[in-house]
Amino acid sequence: MPVPKRRHSKTRTRKKRNGHYFSSVINAIKCVNCGAFKLPHAVCSECSLTTKEALIKKQTKALEKPTKKAETKTKKTTSKKQENKEKTEETVQEEEVVESNVEDTVEEATTEKASN
């Protein structure tokens, strides 16, 4: 059986034994909900949510959003149509006013020329 050639010092043997206890780099990830750093597969210390709960919340929000967008789009298009109708009515009224003003100025000009 092999025998060591020289004696190992106390520090060398202790280093060998403590090699397993050196701290390693912590694998921290950002919380999906609040953005704080947390350990993977653990509850967030800031917002108390697990990743599964946060993902479920995001998925339910994503499912709800398209319906709201569709409703707002229909509201916006109907309101835009109403605005366009109102604008066209206003422009028609303004054109009538302008035409009547033009006719009045033409009549005034012709009366002034006739009087001169």
Protein backbone atom coordinates (compact mmCIF):
# COMPACT_ATOMS: atom_id res chain seq x y z
CA MET A 1 0.00 0.00 0.00
CA PRO A 2 1.34 3.46 -0.87
CA VAL A 3 2.68 5.65 1.88
CA PRO A 4 2.95 9.47 1.65
CA LYS A 5 6.48 10.69 1.09
CA ARG A 6 6.05 13.79 3.27
CA ARG A 7 3.70 14.91 5.94
CA HIS A 8 0.83 17.29 4.98
CA SER A 9 0.64 20.45 7.07
CA LYS A 10 -2.43 21.30 9.13
CA THR A 11 -3.43 24.12 6.81
CA ARG A 12 -3.11 21.93 3.76
CA THR A 13 -5.35 19.23 5.23
CA ARG A 14 -7.87 21.81 6.45
CA LYS A 15 -7.98 23.46 3.03
CA LYS A 16 -8.65 20.08 1.52
CA ARG A 17 -11.53 19.44 3.93
CA ASN A 18 -13.04 22.92 3.64
CA GLY A 19 -12.93 22.93 -0.15
CA HIS A 20 -16.52 21.77 -0.24
CA TYR A 21 -17.74 24.73 1.78
CA PHE A 22 -16.47 27.58 -0.39
CA SER A 23 -19.26 29.89 -1.37
CA SER A 24 -20.35 29.67 -4.95
CA VAL A 25 -21.96 32.33 -7.11
CA ILE A 26 -25.63 32.71 -6.32
CA ASN A 27 -27.87 32.11 -9.30
CA ALA A 28 -30.30 34.97 -8.76
CA ILE A 29 -33.01 35.86 -11.26
CA LYS A 30 -35.30 38.86 -11.57
CA CYS A 31 -38.85 38.53 -10.35
CA VAL A 32 -41.34 38.58 -13.20
CA ASN A 33 -43.77 40.73 -11.25
CA CYS A 34 -41.69 43.36 -9.40
CA GLY A 35 -38.17 43.01 -10.85
CA ALA A 36 -36.40 42.29 -7.55
CA PHE A 37 -33.68 39.62 -7.47
CA LYS A 38 -34.70 36.24 -6.01
CA LEU A 39 -33.63 32.61 -6.04
CA PRO A 40 -35.12 30.46 -8.79
CA HIS A 41 -38.12 28.31 -7.80
CA ALA A 42 -38.62 30.36 -4.64
CA VAL A 43 -41.10 32.94 -3.43
CA CYS A 44 -40.11 36.56 -4.05
CA SER A 45 -39.30 38.41 -0.82
CA GLU A 46 -40.64 41.71 -2.18
CA CYS A 47 -44.00 40.79 -3.68
CA SER A 48 -44.50 37.24 -2.30
CA LEU A 49 -45.21 35.70 -5.68
CA THR A 50 -43.81 32.57 -7.23
CA THR A 51 -42.99 32.53 -10.92
CA LYS A 52 -45.95 30.29 -11.67
CA GLU A 53 -48.41 32.71 -10.08
CA ALA A 54 -46.88 35.66 -11.91
CA LEU A 55 -47.01 33.83 -15.23
CA ILE A 56 -50.63 32.88 -14.65
CA LYS A 57 -51.47 36.52 -13.91
CA LYS A 58 -49.71 37.67 -17.08
CA GLN A 59 -51.48 35.05 -19.19
CA THR A 60 -54.89 36.02 -17.84
CA LYS A 61 -54.14 39.70 -18.48
CA ALA A 62 -53.04 38.83 -22.01
CA LEU A 63 -56.29 36.96 -22.60
CA GLU A 64 -58.37 39.87 -21.31
CA LYS A 65 -56.58 42.60 -23.28
CA PRO A 66 -57.71 41.73 -26.85
CA THR A 67 -61.37 41.90 -25.89
CA LYS A 68 -60.88 45.33 -24.35
CA LYS A 69 -58.97 46.51 -27.42
CA ALA A 70 -61.69 45.27 -29.72
CA GLU A 71 -64.33 47.13 -27.70
CA THR A 72 -62.31 50.35 -27.67
CA LYS A 73 -61.65 50.08 -31.41
CA THR A 74 -65.36 49.85 -32.15
CA LYS A 75 -66.02 52.77 -29.82
CA LYS A 76 -63.26 54.80 -31.46
CA THR A 77 -64.48 54.08 -34.98
CA THR A 78 -68.06 54.99 -34.12
CA SER A 79 -66.92 58.16 -32.39
CA LYS A 80 -64.71 59.02 -35.38
CA LYS A 81 -67.63 58.48 -37.74
CA GLN A 82 -69.79 60.76 -35.61
CA GLU A 83 -67.03 63.38 -35.53
CA ASN A 84 -66.68 63.20 -39.30
CA LYS A 85 -70.44 63.66 -39.74
CA GLU A 86 -70.40 66.65 -37.41
CA LYS A 87 -67.42 68.13 -39.26
CA THR A 88 -69.10 67.72 -42.63
CA GLU A 89 -72.27 69.35 -41.29
CA GLU A 90 -70.23 72.24 -39.89
CA THR A 91 -68.33 72.69 -43.15
CA VAL A 92 -71.59 72.69 -45.11
CA GLN A 93 -73.01 75.37 -42.80
CA GLU A 94 -69.79 77.39 -43.09
CA GLU A 95 -69.87 77.12 -46.88
CA GLU A 96 -73.47 78.38 -46.90
CA VAL A 97 -72.48 81.32 -44.71
CA VAL A 98 -69.51 82.09 -46.95
CA GLU A 99 -71.69 81.88 -50.08
CA SER A 100 -74.24 84.24 -48.57
CA ASN A 101 -71.46 86.65 -47.57
CA VAL A 102 -70.03 86.52 -51.09
CA GLU A 103 -73.44 87.21 -52.59
CA ASP A 104 -73.92 90.17 -50.22
CA THR A 105 -70.53 91.64 -51.13
CA VAL A 106 -71.23 91.17 -54.85
CA GLU A 107 -74.59 92.94 -54.47
CA GLU A 108 -72.95 95.78 -52.53
CA ALA A 109 -70.26 96.13 -55.16
CA THR A 110 -72.81 96.25 -57.99
CA THR A 111 -74.93 98.84 -56.14
CA GLU A 112 -71.86 100.98 -55.53
CA LYS A 113 -70.88 100.83 -59.22
CA ALA A 114 -74.42 101.63 -60.27
CA SER A 115 -74.57 104.61 -57.92
CA ASN A 116 -71.24 105.97 -59.20
